[in-house]
Amino acid sequence: MPAISDEKEVRSITPTQRVITIAGVAGSLIAGGVIGATLAGPLAATAANTNATSQLAAASASPSAGAGTFKSNEDATHEAGESATVEAQENSGQRPGHGSGKFTPNENAAHEQGESAAREAQENAGQRPTVP
């Protein structure tokens, strides 16, 4: 009868196998990041848009703000990306931009829910909206 051995063969990993394994792990991490950004990007934009909509509604309900009165966004995050020209316009009480550049309507579903029929008609005609 043959002797039974408890020894197992130990196989070492070659440098090629190590490189392939590392490349596979790195590729999986990158793919996961791309998929996560693709899925989470629109969700974050919707959350930010919903927050802005509720802030706009709260600002509109304020008795000190008259209809059509411009109130600048002084949030630190907003201010960080603002040019000196836009800040100067806001500080003087002007609505920045005055319709400069090509108008592109916001067709986000959350934004569309709070839009009046008159505003949507202006957007569909390619005009910069003048009504809320």
Protein backbone atom coordinates (compact mmCIF):
# COMPACT_ATOMS: atom_id res chain seq x y z
CA MET A 1 0.00 0.00 0.00
CA PRO A 2 1.36 3.44 -0.92
CA ALA A 3 2.12 5.92 1.82
CA ILE A 4 -0.25 8.86 2.15
CA SER A 5 1.51 12.18 2.33
CA ASP A 6 0.07 15.24 4.07
CA GLU A 7 2.32 17.57 2.16
CA LYS A 8 0.74 19.95 -0.34
CA GLU A 9 2.45 21.40 -3.32
CA VAL A 10 3.05 25.13 -2.96
CA ARG A 11 2.96 27.02 -6.21
CA SER A 12 4.49 30.49 -6.44
CA ILE A 13 2.93 33.35 -8.40
CA THR A 14 4.87 34.45 -11.44
CA PRO A 15 5.53 38.15 -12.13
CA THR A 16 3.21 37.98 -15.15
CA GLN A 17 0.35 36.65 -13.02
CA ARG A 18 0.97 39.39 -10.47
CA VAL A 19 0.82 42.13 -13.15
CA ILE A 20 -2.39 40.68 -14.61
CA THR A 21 -4.00 40.54 -11.16
CA ILE A 22 -3.05 44.14 -10.32
CA ALA A 23 -4.30 45.36 -13.72
CA GLY A 24 -7.59 43.54 -13.18
CA VAL A 25 -8.10 45.06 -9.74
CA ALA A 26 -7.22 48.57 -11.01
CA GLY A 27 -9.55 48.17 -14.00
CA SER A 28 -12.38 47.09 -11.72
CA LEU A 29 -11.87 50.11 -9.47
CA ILE A 30 -11.88 52.50 -12.42
CA ALA A 31 -14.98 50.88 -13.94
CA GLY A 32 -16.76 51.05 -10.59
CA GLY A 33 -15.89 54.74 -10.26
CA VAL A 34 -17.22 55.50 -13.73
CA ILE A 35 -20.44 53.60 -13.08
CA GLY A 36 -20.86 55.28 -9.70
CA ALA A 37 -20.31 58.76 -11.17
CA THR A 38 -22.75 58.01 -13.97
CA LEU A 39 -25.45 56.95 -11.53
CA ALA A 40 -24.76 59.39 -8.71
CA GLY A 41 -24.10 62.48 -10.87
CA PRO A 42 -27.74 63.00 -11.93
CA LEU A 43 -28.94 62.16 -8.43
CA ALA A 44 -26.68 64.81 -6.92
CA ALA A 45 -27.79 67.36 -9.52
CA THR A 46 -31.44 66.61 -8.76
CA ALA A 47 -30.80 66.96 -5.04
CA ALA A 48 -29.03 70.28 -5.58
CA ASN A 49 -31.81 71.46 -7.87
CA THR A 50 -34.50 70.43 -5.37
CA ASN A 51 -32.65 72.31 -2.63
CA ALA A 52 -32.37 75.40 -4.84
CA THR A 53 -36.06 75.19 -5.66
CA SER A 54 -37.03 75.06 -1.98
CA GLN A 55 -34.70 77.98 -1.24
CA LEU A 56 -36.25 79.93 -4.10
CA ALA A 57 -39.74 79.20 -2.78
CA ALA A 58 -38.72 80.32 0.71
CA ALA A 59 -37.17 83.51 -0.67
CA SER A 60 -40.28 84.25 -2.73
CA ALA A 61 -42.51 83.86 0.34
CA SER A 62 -40.50 86.48 2.21
CA PRO A 63 -42.51 89.71 2.63
CA SER A 64 -39.38 91.87 2.15
CA ALA A 65 -38.75 90.57 -1.36
CA GLY A 66 -41.06 92.16 -3.92
CA ALA A 67 -42.09 90.40 -7.12
CA GLY A 68 -39.25 90.54 -9.63
CA THR A 69 -36.72 91.92 -7.12
CA PHE A 70 -33.29 90.42 -7.67
CA LYS A 71 -31.62 88.84 -4.65
CA SER A 72 -28.09 87.52 -5.17
CA ASN A 73 -26.99 84.08 -4.03
CA GLU A 74 -24.40 84.71 -1.32
CA ASP A 75 -23.82 81.02 -0.54
CA ALA A 76 -20.08 80.33 -0.11
CA THR A 77 -20.10 77.49 -2.64
CA HIS A 78 -21.80 79.70 -5.23
CA GLU A 79 -19.50 82.63 -4.53
CA ALA A 80 -16.36 80.50 -5.02
CA GLY A 81 -17.13 79.99 -8.72
CA GLU A 82 -18.22 83.56 -9.42
CA SER A 83 -16.25 86.12 -11.43
CA ALA A 84 -15.49 89.61 -10.12
CA THR A 85 -17.76 91.10 -12.82
CA VAL A 86 -20.75 89.02 -11.74
CA GLU A 87 -20.10 89.82 -8.06
CA ALA A 88 -19.95 93.56 -8.88
CA GLN A 89 -23.27 93.31 -10.74
CA GLU A 90 -24.86 91.49 -7.79
CA ASN A 91 -23.50 94.00 -5.27
CA SER A 92 -25.03 96.87 -7.26
CA GLY A 93 -28.43 95.14 -7.24
CA GLN A 94 -28.35 94.12 -10.91
CA ARG A 95 -29.22 90.67 -12.17
CA PRO A 96 -25.90 89.37 -13.56
CA GLY A 97 -25.49 88.40 -17.19
CA HIS A 98 -28.37 90.38 -18.70
CA GLY A 99 -29.06 87.59 -21.17
CA SER A 100 -25.55 87.23 -22.51
CA GLY A 101 -24.73 84.05 -24.37
CA LYS A 102 -26.97 81.46 -25.98
CA PHE A 103 -30.05 80.53 -23.97
CA THR A 104 -30.38 76.83 -23.13
CA PRO A 105 -33.49 75.92 -21.10
CA ASN A 106 -33.28 73.65 -18.07
CA GLU A 107 -35.32 70.59 -19.01
CA ASN A 108 -34.66 68.72 -15.75
CA ALA A 109 -37.90 67.03 -14.57
CA ALA A 110 -37.64 68.53 -11.06
CA HIS A 111 -37.19 72.00 -12.55
CA GLU A 112 -40.05 71.55 -15.02
CA GLN A 113 -42.55 70.76 -12.23
CA GLY A 114 -42.29 74.26 -10.78
CA GLU A 115 -42.45 76.06 -14.11
CA SER A 116 -45.44 78.08 -15.32
CA ALA A 117 -47.02 77.45 -18.74
CA ALA A 118 -45.98 80.94 -19.87
CA ARG A 119 -42.34 80.30 -18.98
CA GLU A 120 -42.36 76.91 -20.72
CA ALA A 121 -43.84 78.54 -23.85
CA GLN A 122 -41.03 81.12 -23.86
CA GLU A 123 -38.41 78.39 -23.45
CA ASN A 124 -39.94 76.31 -26.24
CA ALA A 125 -39.82 79.38 -28.52
CA GLY A 126 -36.08 79.69 -27.78
CA GLN A 127 -36.53 82.90 -25.77
CA ARG A 128 -34.93 83.71 -22.47
CA PRO A 129 -37.86 83.55 -19.98
CA THR A 130 -39.14 86.76 -18.44
CA VAL A 131 -41.86 85.16 -16.31
CA PRO A 132 -41.50 82.79 -13.34
